[in-house]
Amino acid sequence: IRHVVKAAGPTGEHESSTFADEFLAALAAAPDWLIVDEIRGDESKAVWAALNHENPPHYLWVFRGNAQADRLRSALSMVIRKGYPLLDQATIYEAIAARVPFVAVIKRVEDAPCLVQIAEWVYKDGAEVTLTLRPILVEHEGGWLDMEQRPTRNLDLPDEFWGDKRA
């Protein structure tokens, strides 16, 4: 596995580099995985470059704040629109769904991070263009509540993972 370790800002390779510069440099290094912590509004061009990269790595992007689907969808759209105000919403939604298809929601529970939901972005282009976050598994009373729907993308999991009702 090819990997690149980069830090943004003054702790990066150059004191004058920005988070976006480091993001783009890591993307250019063609790693198998690109993990980006805390994307902000000033990374618009880097985010859009990552969403449209010809041979993208696997992404793991970390966002802080509220885990509500509407807010996350809106925040991602606003980050992109800051650098590309004329881009149509359907193009933005399609890119998000294609390149960052799953969302893992982690919340602090009893002073420790806890995975509480795994969901998938579902893009629909029709009379109304939509991007919805569809829960697949949700933490419930110390276990997992199966939302009884498989993801639309292949996760290469055996049928037994989903239980008999989906086989």
N, C-alpha and C. Protein backbone atom coordinates (compact mmCIF):
# COMPACT_ATOMS: atom_id res chain seq x y z
N ILE A 1 0.86 -1.19 0.00
CA ILE A 1 0.00 0.00 0.00
C ILE A 1 0.89 1.23 0.00
N ARG A 2 0.62 2.10 -0.91
CA ARG A 2 1.36 3.36 -0.99
C ARG A 2 0.69 4.37 -0.07
N HIS A 3 1.49 5.01 0.77
CA HIS A 3 0.91 6.01 1.66
C HIS A 3 1.82 7.23 1.74
N VAL A 4 1.22 8.32 2.06
CA VAL A 4 1.92 9.59 2.19
C VAL A 4 1.46 10.20 3.50
N VAL A 5 2.39 10.69 4.29
CA VAL A 5 2.02 11.36 5.53
C VAL A 5 2.32 12.83 5.35
N LYS A 6 1.31 13.66 5.51
CA LYS A 6 1.47 15.10 5.36
C LYS A 6 0.72 15.77 6.49
N ALA A 7 1.21 16.90 6.88
CA ALA A 7 0.51 17.75 7.84
C ALA A 7 0.27 19.08 7.16
N ALA A 8 -0.77 19.75 7.52
CA ALA A 8 -1.11 21.02 6.89
C ALA A 8 -0.56 22.19 7.66
N GLY A 9 -0.45 23.30 6.95
CA GLY A 9 -0.07 24.56 7.58
C GLY A 9 1.38 24.59 8.01
N PRO A 10 1.71 25.31 9.07
CA PRO A 10 3.09 25.52 9.48
C PRO A 10 3.83 24.25 9.87
N THR A 11 3.11 23.17 10.15
CA THR A 11 3.80 21.93 10.50
C THR A 11 4.08 21.09 9.26
N GLY A 12 3.62 21.55 8.08
CA GLY A 12 3.86 20.82 6.84
C GLY A 12 5.28 21.03 6.34
N GLU A 13 5.53 20.64 5.08
CA GLU A 13 6.87 20.73 4.52
C GLU A 13 7.35 22.17 4.39
N HIS A 14 6.45 23.09 4.10
CA HIS A 14 6.83 24.49 3.91
C HIS A 14 5.95 25.35 4.80
N GLU A 15 6.56 26.29 5.47
CA GLU A 15 5.81 27.15 6.39
C GLU A 15 4.68 27.89 5.69
N SER A 16 4.85 28.21 4.39
CA SER A 16 3.83 28.98 3.69
C SER A 16 2.74 28.12 3.08
N SER A 17 2.84 26.79 3.22
CA SER A 17 1.82 25.93 2.62
C SER A 17 0.52 26.03 3.40
N THR A 18 -0.55 25.87 2.68
CA THR A 18 -1.87 25.89 3.30
C THR A 18 -2.39 24.46 3.40
N PHE A 19 -3.48 24.29 4.09
CA PHE A 19 -4.12 22.99 4.18
C PHE A 19 -4.48 22.50 2.78
N ALA A 20 -5.03 23.39 1.96
CA ALA A 20 -5.41 23.03 0.59
C ALA A 20 -4.19 22.61 -0.22
N ASP A 21 -3.06 23.31 -0.07
CA ASP A 21 -1.82 22.94 -0.78
C ASP A 21 -1.37 21.53 -0.40
N GLU A 22 -1.41 21.24 0.90
CA GLU A 22 -0.99 19.93 1.37
C GLU A 22 -1.97 18.84 0.91
N PHE A 23 -3.25 19.16 0.89
CA PHE A 23 -4.28 18.24 0.42
C PHE A 23 -4.00 17.88 -1.04
N LEU A 24 -3.75 18.90 -1.88
CA LEU A 24 -3.48 18.67 -3.30
C LEU A 24 -2.16 17.92 -3.50
N ALA A 25 -1.15 18.23 -2.71
CA ALA A 25 0.14 17.52 -2.82
C ALA A 25 -0.02 16.05 -2.46
N ALA A 26 -0.79 15.76 -1.42
CA ALA A 26 -1.03 14.37 -1.04
C ALA A 26 -1.81 13.65 -2.14
N LEU A 27 -2.78 14.30 -2.73
CA LEU A 27 -3.55 13.71 -3.82
C LEU A 27 -2.65 13.43 -5.02
N ALA A 28 -1.73 14.34 -5.33
CA ALA A 28 -0.81 14.18 -6.46
C ALA A 28 0.17 13.02 -6.24
N ALA A 29 0.42 12.66 -4.99
CA ALA A 29 1.34 11.56 -4.68
C ALA A 29 0.72 10.19 -4.95
N ALA A 30 -0.55 10.16 -5.34
CA ALA A 30 -1.27 8.94 -5.70
C ALA A 30 -1.24 7.85 -4.63
N PRO A 31 -1.64 8.18 -3.40
CA PRO A 31 -1.69 7.14 -2.36
C PRO A 31 -2.89 6.22 -2.60
N ASP A 32 -2.88 5.06 -1.97
CA ASP A 32 -4.04 4.17 -2.03
C ASP A 32 -5.19 4.74 -1.21
N TRP A 33 -4.85 5.40 -0.11
CA TRP A 33 -5.83 6.02 0.78
C TRP A 33 -5.43 7.47 1.02
N LEU A 34 -6.42 8.33 1.13
CA LEU A 34 -6.17 9.72 1.51
C LEU A 34 -7.11 10.05 2.66
N ILE A 35 -6.52 10.32 3.81
CA ILE A 35 -7.29 10.64 5.01
C ILE A 35 -7.13 12.13 5.27
N VAL A 36 -8.25 12.82 5.33
CA VAL A 36 -8.24 14.27 5.50
C VAL A 36 -9.08 14.62 6.72
N ASP A 37 -8.46 15.34 7.65
CA ASP A 37 -9.13 15.70 8.88
C ASP A 37 -9.61 17.15 8.81
N GLU A 38 -10.86 17.34 9.12
CA GLU A 38 -11.47 18.65 9.30
C GLU A 38 -11.38 19.57 8.07
N ILE A 39 -12.14 19.23 7.06
CA ILE A 39 -12.23 20.06 5.87
C ILE A 39 -12.99 21.33 6.22
N ARG A 40 -12.45 22.46 5.75
CA ARG A 40 -13.06 23.76 6.04
C ARG A 40 -13.39 24.47 4.74
N GLY A 41 -13.99 25.63 4.85
CA GLY A 41 -14.44 26.39 3.69
C GLY A 41 -13.34 26.87 2.77
N ASP A 42 -12.12 27.02 3.24
CA ASP A 42 -11.06 27.53 2.37
C ASP A 42 -10.37 26.43 1.57
N GLU A 43 -10.87 25.22 1.61
CA GLU A 43 -10.30 24.12 0.84
C GLU A 43 -11.13 23.78 -0.39
N SER A 44 -11.92 24.72 -0.87
CA SER A 44 -12.85 24.47 -1.96
C SER A 44 -12.21 23.82 -3.18
N LYS A 45 -11.14 24.40 -3.66
CA LYS A 45 -10.51 23.89 -4.88
C LYS A 45 -9.91 22.51 -4.66
N ALA A 46 -9.36 22.27 -3.50
CA ALA A 46 -8.78 20.96 -3.19
C ALA A 46 -9.88 19.91 -3.07
N VAL A 47 -10.99 20.26 -2.44
CA VAL A 47 -12.12 19.32 -2.30
C VAL A 47 -12.66 18.97 -3.67
N TRP A 48 -12.86 19.96 -4.51
CA TRP A 48 -13.41 19.70 -5.85
C TRP A 48 -12.41 18.88 -6.68
N ALA A 49 -11.11 19.16 -6.56
CA ALA A 49 -10.10 18.38 -7.27
C ALA A 49 -10.15 16.92 -6.82
N ALA A 50 -10.33 16.68 -5.52
CA ALA A 50 -10.41 15.31 -5.00
C ALA A 50 -11.67 14.60 -5.51
N LEU A 51 -12.78 15.31 -5.54
CA LEU A 51 -14.04 14.71 -6.00
C LEU A 51 -14.02 14.41 -7.50
N ASN A 52 -13.16 15.07 -8.24
CA ASN A 52 -13.11 14.88 -9.68
C ASN A 52 -11.82 14.25 -10.17
N HIS A 53 -11.02 13.73 -9.25
CA HIS A 53 -9.75 13.12 -9.62
C HIS A 53 -10.00 11.90 -10.51
N GLU A 54 -9.19 11.77 -11.57
CA GLU A 54 -9.38 10.69 -12.53
C GLU A 54 -9.20 9.31 -11.92
N ASN A 55 -8.18 9.14 -11.11
CA ASN A 55 -7.92 7.87 -10.43
C ASN A 55 -7.85 8.12 -8.93
N PRO A 56 -8.99 8.31 -8.30
CA PRO A 56 -8.98 8.72 -6.89
C PRO A 56 -8.54 7.58 -5.96
N PRO A 57 -7.91 7.97 -4.87
CA PRO A 57 -7.63 6.97 -3.83
C PRO A 57 -8.92 6.69 -3.07
N HIS A 58 -8.85 5.79 -2.12
CA HIS A 58 -9.96 5.63 -1.19
C HIS A 58 -9.88 6.82 -0.25
N TYR A 59 -11.01 7.42 0.05
CA TYR A 59 -11.03 8.60 0.90
C TYR A 59 -11.61 8.29 2.26
N LEU A 60 -11.06 8.95 3.25
CA LEU A 60 -11.65 9.01 4.58
C LEU A 60 -11.56 10.47 4.98
N TRP A 61 -12.67 11.16 4.97
CA TRP A 61 -12.72 12.58 5.32
C TRP A 61 -13.41 12.73 6.66
N VAL A 62 -12.86 13.57 7.50
CA VAL A 62 -13.40 13.78 8.83
C VAL A 62 -13.98 15.19 8.91
N PHE A 63 -15.22 15.27 9.37
CA PHE A 63 -15.89 16.55 9.58
C PHE A 63 -16.31 16.62 11.03
N ARG A 64 -16.16 17.75 11.63
CA ARG A 64 -16.61 17.92 13.01
C ARG A 64 -17.94 18.66 13.00
N GLY A 65 -18.68 18.46 14.03
CA GLY A 65 -19.95 19.16 14.12
C GLY A 65 -21.11 18.20 14.09
N ASN A 66 -22.26 18.75 13.82
CA ASN A 66 -23.50 18.00 13.83
C ASN A 66 -23.52 16.95 12.72
N ALA A 67 -24.00 15.77 13.01
CA ALA A 67 -24.02 14.67 12.05
C ALA A 67 -25.33 14.57 11.29
N GLN A 68 -26.13 15.61 11.29
CA GLN A 68 -27.39 15.57 10.55
C GLN A 68 -27.11 15.62 9.05
N ALA A 69 -27.80 14.78 8.29
CA ALA A 69 -27.58 14.67 6.85
C ALA A 69 -27.73 16.01 6.14
N ASP A 70 -28.77 16.76 6.47
CA ASP A 70 -29.01 18.04 5.79
C ASP A 70 -27.84 19.00 6.01
N ARG A 71 -27.31 19.02 7.21
CA ARG A 71 -26.20 19.93 7.50
C ARG A 71 -24.91 19.50 6.82
N LEU A 72 -24.63 18.20 6.80
CA LEU A 72 -23.43 17.71 6.14
C LEU A 72 -23.52 17.95 4.63
N ARG A 73 -24.64 17.64 4.03
CA ARG A 73 -24.85 17.88 2.60
C ARG A 73 -24.70 19.36 2.28
N SER A 74 -25.28 20.20 3.09
CA SER A 74 -25.20 21.64 2.89
C SER A 74 -23.76 22.14 3.06
N ALA A 75 -23.06 21.64 4.08
CA ALA A 75 -21.68 22.07 4.33
C ALA A 75 -20.77 21.68 3.17
N LEU A 76 -20.90 20.46 2.67
CA LEU A 76 -20.09 20.03 1.54
C LEU A 76 -20.39 20.88 0.30
N SER A 77 -21.66 21.13 0.06
CA SER A 77 -22.05 21.97 -1.09
C SER A 77 -21.48 23.37 -0.97
N MET A 78 -21.55 23.95 0.23
CA MET A 78 -21.04 25.30 0.43
C MET A 78 -19.52 25.37 0.25
N VAL A 79 -18.80 24.35 0.73
CA VAL A 79 -17.35 24.33 0.54
C VAL A 79 -17.02 24.38 -0.95
N ILE A 80 -17.71 23.57 -1.73
CA ILE A 80 -17.45 23.52 -3.17
C ILE A 80 -17.88 24.81 -3.84
N ARG A 81 -19.06 25.32 -3.49
CA ARG A 81 -19.58 26.54 -4.11
C ARG A 81 -18.71 27.77 -3.85
N LYS A 82 -17.99 27.75 -2.74
CA LYS A 82 -17.13 28.89 -2.44
C LYS A 82 -16.11 29.11 -3.55
N GLY A 83 -15.58 28.04 -4.12
CA GLY A 83 -14.62 28.16 -5.21
C GLY A 83 -15.22 28.07 -6.59
N TYR A 84 -16.42 27.51 -6.66
CA TYR A 84 -17.09 27.28 -7.96
C TYR A 84 -18.56 27.68 -7.85
N PRO A 85 -18.85 28.98 -7.76
CA PRO A 85 -20.22 29.43 -7.52
C PRO A 85 -21.22 29.10 -8.63
N LEU A 86 -20.75 28.86 -9.84
CA LEU A 86 -21.67 28.61 -10.95
C LEU A 86 -21.92 27.12 -11.20
N LEU A 87 -21.31 26.26 -10.42
CA LEU A 87 -21.49 24.82 -10.58
C LEU A 87 -22.91 24.45 -10.19
N ASP A 88 -23.56 23.64 -11.03
CA ASP A 88 -24.95 23.28 -10.71
C ASP A 88 -24.99 22.22 -9.60
N GLN A 89 -26.07 22.23 -8.84
CA GLN A 89 -26.21 21.37 -7.67
C GLN A 89 -26.16 19.90 -8.02
N ALA A 90 -26.72 19.51 -9.16
CA ALA A 90 -26.71 18.10 -9.56
C ALA A 90 -25.28 17.59 -9.71
N THR A 91 -24.41 18.39 -10.28
CA THR A 91 -23.01 18.00 -10.47
C THR A 91 -22.31 17.82 -9.12
N ILE A 92 -22.59 18.72 -8.20
CA ILE A 92 -22.00 18.63 -6.86
C ILE A 92 -22.49 17.36 -6.15
N TYR A 93 -23.79 17.14 -6.15
CA TYR A 93 -24.35 15.97 -5.48
C TYR A 93 -23.83 14.67 -6.09
N GLU A 94 -23.77 14.62 -7.40
CA GLU A 94 -23.29 13.41 -8.08
C GLU A 94 -21.84 13.10 -7.69
N ALA A 95 -21.01 14.12 -7.61
CA ALA A 95 -19.60 13.93 -7.24
C ALA A 95 -19.47 13.46 -5.79
N ILE A 96 -20.24 14.03 -4.89
CA ILE A 96 -20.20 13.61 -3.48
C ILE A 96 -20.59 12.14 -3.37
N ALA A 97 -21.70 11.77 -4.01
CA ALA A 97 -22.18 10.39 -3.92
C ALA A 97 -21.19 9.40 -4.54
N ALA A 98 -20.52 9.80 -5.60
CA ALA A 98 -19.59 8.90 -6.28
C ALA A 98 -18.27 8.72 -5.53
N ARG A 99 -17.75 9.78 -4.94
CA ARG A 99 -16.41 9.73 -4.36
C ARG A 99 -16.37 9.59 -2.84
N VAL A 100 -17.42 9.99 -2.17
CA VAL A 100 -17.49 9.86 -0.70
C VAL A 100 -18.84 9.21 -0.39
N PRO A 101 -19.02 7.95 -0.80
CA PRO A 101 -20.35 7.34 -0.77
C PRO A 101 -20.88 6.98 0.61
N PHE A 102 -20.01 6.75 1.57
CA PHE A 102 -20.47 6.31 2.89
C PHE A 102 -20.10 7.32 3.96
N VAL A 103 -20.94 7.38 4.98
CA VAL A 103 -20.71 8.27 6.11
C VAL A 103 -20.78 7.41 7.37
N ALA A 104 -19.74 7.52 8.18
CA ALA A 104 -19.72 6.87 9.49
C ALA A 104 -19.87 7.97 10.52
N VAL A 105 -20.89 7.90 11.33
CA VAL A 105 -21.16 8.93 12.34
C VAL A 105 -20.57 8.46 13.67
N ILE A 106 -19.68 9.26 14.20
CA ILE A 106 -19.05 8.96 15.48
C ILE A 106 -19.42 10.07 16.45
N LYS A 107 -19.94 9.69 17.61
CA LYS A 107 -20.30 10.66 18.64
C LYS A 107 -19.57 10.32 19.92
N ARG A 108 -19.42 11.31 20.76
CA ARG A 108 -18.80 11.11 22.07
C ARG A 108 -19.89 10.57 23.00
N VAL A 109 -19.64 9.38 23.54
CA VAL A 109 -20.55 8.75 24.48
C VAL A 109 -19.73 8.41 25.72
N GLU A 110 -20.15 8.95 26.86
CA GLU A 110 -19.44 8.73 28.12
C GLU A 110 -17.95 9.01 27.96
N ASP A 111 -17.64 10.14 27.36
CA ASP A 111 -16.27 10.64 27.17
C ASP A 111 -15.39 9.80 26.25
N ALA A 112 -15.99 8.99 25.40
CA ALA A 112 -15.22 8.20 24.44
C ALA A 112 -15.92 8.24 23.08
N PRO A 113 -15.14 8.23 21.99
CA PRO A 113 -15.78 8.20 20.67
C PRO A 113 -16.46 6.86 20.45
N CYS A 114 -17.64 6.93 19.84
CA CYS A 114 -18.44 5.72 19.62
C CYS A 114 -19.08 5.79 18.23
N LEU A 115 -18.92 4.74 17.44
CA LEU A 115 -19.56 4.65 16.14
C LEU A 115 -21.05 4.44 16.36
N VAL A 116 -21.90 5.33 15.84
CA VAL A 116 -23.33 5.22 16.09
C VAL A 116 -24.16 5.04 14.82
N GLN A 117 -23.54 5.21 13.65
CA GLN A 117 -24.32 5.02 12.43
C GLN A 117 -23.39 4.85 11.24
N ILE A 118 -23.82 4.00 10.30
CA ILE A 118 -23.18 3.88 9.00
C ILE A 118 -24.29 4.13 7.99
N ALA A 119 -24.04 5.08 7.09
CA ALA A 119 -25.06 5.46 6.12
C ALA A 119 -24.42 5.63 4.74
N GLU A 120 -25.27 5.71 3.74
CA GLU A 120 -24.80 5.83 2.36
C GLU A 120 -25.49 7.01 1.68
N TRP A 121 -24.70 7.80 0.94
CA TRP A 121 -25.29 8.86 0.13
C TRP A 121 -25.99 8.22 -1.06
N VAL A 122 -27.22 8.62 -1.32
CA VAL A 122 -27.97 8.14 -2.47
C VAL A 122 -28.34 9.34 -3.31
N TYR A 123 -27.86 9.34 -4.56
CA TYR A 123 -28.10 10.44 -5.49
C TYR A 123 -29.18 10.03 -6.47
N LYS A 124 -30.14 10.94 -6.69
CA LYS A 124 -31.20 10.70 -7.68
C LYS A 124 -31.32 11.92 -8.56
N ASP A 125 -31.29 11.67 -9.85
CA ASP A 125 -31.42 12.74 -10.84
C ASP A 125 -32.72 12.51 -11.59
N GLY A 126 -33.61 13.42 -11.47
CA GLY A 126 -34.90 13.30 -12.12
C GLY A 126 -35.57 14.66 -12.14
N ALA A 127 -36.87 14.66 -11.95
CA ALA A 127 -37.59 15.94 -11.89
C ALA A 127 -37.01 16.81 -10.79
N GLU A 128 -36.61 16.15 -9.70
CA GLU A 128 -35.96 16.85 -8.60
C GLU A 128 -34.65 16.12 -8.29
N VAL A 129 -33.56 16.84 -8.28
CA VAL A 129 -32.26 16.27 -7.96
C VAL A 129 -32.14 16.19 -6.45
N THR A 130 -31.80 15.00 -5.94
CA THR A 130 -31.68 14.84 -4.48
C THR A 130 -30.41 14.09 -4.13
N LEU A 131 -29.94 14.35 -2.95
CA LEU A 131 -28.85 13.60 -2.33
C LEU A 131 -29.30 13.35 -0.90
N THR A 132 -29.60 12.10 -0.62
CA THR A 132 -30.08 11.76 0.72
C THR A 132 -29.10 10.81 1.39
N LEU A 133 -29.05 10.87 2.69
CA LEU A 133 -28.21 9.98 3.47
C LEU A 133 -29.09 8.88 4.02
N ARG A 134 -28.89 7.67 3.53
CA ARG A 134 -29.72 6.53 3.88
C ARG A 134 -29.00 5.65 4.91
N PRO A 135 -29.51 5.57 6.13
CA PRO A 135 -28.87 4.72 7.15
C PRO A 135 -28.88 3.25 6.75
N ILE A 136 -27.77 2.58 7.01
CA ILE A 136 -27.66 1.14 6.76
C ILE A 136 -27.66 0.39 8.08
N LEU A 137 -26.82 0.87 9.01
CA LEU A 137 -26.77 0.31 10.36
C LEU A 137 -26.78 1.46 11.35
N VAL A 138 -27.54 1.31 12.43
CA VAL A 138 -27.64 2.36 13.45
C VAL A 138 -27.45 1.71 14.82
N GLU A 139 -26.61 2.33 15.65
CA GLU A 139 -26.41 1.83 17.01
C GLU A 139 -27.72 1.97 17.77
N HIS A 140 -28.09 0.91 18.50
CA HIS A 140 -29.33 0.93 19.27
C HIS A 140 -29.15 0.07 20.51
N GLU A 141 -29.21 0.72 21.66
CA GLU A 141 -29.14 0.03 22.96
C GLU A 141 -27.96 -0.93 23.05
N GLY A 142 -26.79 -0.46 22.63
CA GLY A 142 -25.57 -1.25 22.75
C GLY A 142 -25.34 -2.25 21.64
N GLY A 143 -26.24 -2.32 20.67
CA GLY A 143 -26.08 -3.23 19.53
C GLY A 143 -26.32 -2.47 18.24
N TRP A 144 -26.51 -3.21 17.16
CA TRP A 144 -26.75 -2.58 15.86
C TRP A 144 -28.16 -2.87 15.39
N LEU A 145 -28.85 -1.81 15.01
CA LEU A 145 -30.18 -1.92 14.42
C LEU A 145 -29.99 -1.97 12.92
N ASP A 146 -30.31 -3.11 12.32
CA ASP A 146 -30.18 -3.30 10.89
C ASP A 146 -31.35 -2.58 10.22
N MET A 147 -31.07 -1.65 9.34
CA MET A 147 -32.11 -0.87 8.70
C MET A 147 -32.79 -1.64 7.56
N GLU A 148 -32.43 -2.92 7.41
CA GLU A 148 -33.03 -3.84 6.45
C GLU A 148 -32.92 -3.37 5.01
N GLN A 149 -31.82 -2.73 4.69
CA GLN A 149 -31.56 -2.37 3.31
C GLN A 149 -30.06 -2.46 3.05
N ARG A 150 -29.70 -3.14 1.99
CA ARG A 150 -28.29 -3.24 1.64
C ARG A 150 -27.85 -1.96 0.96
N PRO A 151 -26.58 -1.65 1.08
CA PRO A 151 -26.08 -0.49 0.34
C PRO A 151 -26.18 -0.73 -1.16
N THR A 152 -26.26 0.33 -1.92
CA THR A 152 -26.34 0.19 -3.38
C THR A 152 -24.98 -0.14 -3.97
N ARG A 153 -23.91 0.11 -3.23
CA ARG A 153 -22.55 -0.19 -3.69
C ARG A 153 -22.07 -1.49 -3.05
N ASN A 154 -21.26 -2.22 -3.77
CA ASN A 154 -20.75 -3.49 -3.27
C ASN A 154 -19.75 -3.26 -2.14
N LEU A 155 -20.00 -3.87 -1.01
CA LEU A 155 -19.07 -3.80 0.11
C LEU A 155 -18.30 -5.10 0.29
N ASP A 156 -18.52 -6.04 -0.59
CA ASP A 156 -17.83 -7.32 -0.55
C ASP A 156 -17.97 -7.99 0.81
N LEU A 157 -19.18 -8.00 1.33
CA LEU A 157 -19.50 -8.66 2.59
C LEU A 157 -20.35 -9.89 2.30
N PRO A 158 -20.16 -10.95 3.06
CA PRO A 158 -20.97 -12.15 2.81
C PRO A 158 -22.44 -11.89 3.17
N ASP A 159 -23.33 -12.65 2.54
CA ASP A 159 -24.76 -12.51 2.83
C ASP A 159 -25.06 -12.70 4.31
N GLU A 160 -24.28 -13.54 4.99
CA GLU A 160 -24.50 -13.78 6.42
C GLU A 160 -24.35 -12.51 7.25
N PHE A 161 -23.53 -11.55 6.74
CA PHE A 161 -23.35 -10.31 7.48
C PHE A 161 -24.69 -9.59 7.65
N TRP A 162 -25.54 -9.68 6.61
CA TRP A 162 -26.82 -8.96 6.61
C TRP A 162 -27.93 -9.77 7.26
N GLY A 163 -27.71 -11.01 7.57
CA GLY A 163 -28.75 -11.83 8.19
C GLY A 163 -29.59 -12.54 7.14
N ASP A 164 -30.39 -13.48 7.57
CA ASP A 164 -31.17 -14.32 6.65
C ASP A 164 -32.18 -13.55 5.85
N LYS A 165 -32.75 -12.48 6.38
CA LYS A 165 -33.85 -11.79 5.70
C LYS A 165 -33.42 -11.13 4.40
N ARG A 166 -32.10 -10.96 4.19
CA ARG A 166 -31.64 -10.31 2.96
C ARG A 166 -30.98 -11.27 1.99
N ALA A 167 -30.78 -12.48 2.38
CA ALA A 167 -30.05 -13.44 1.53
C ALA A 167 -30.82 -13.77 0.27
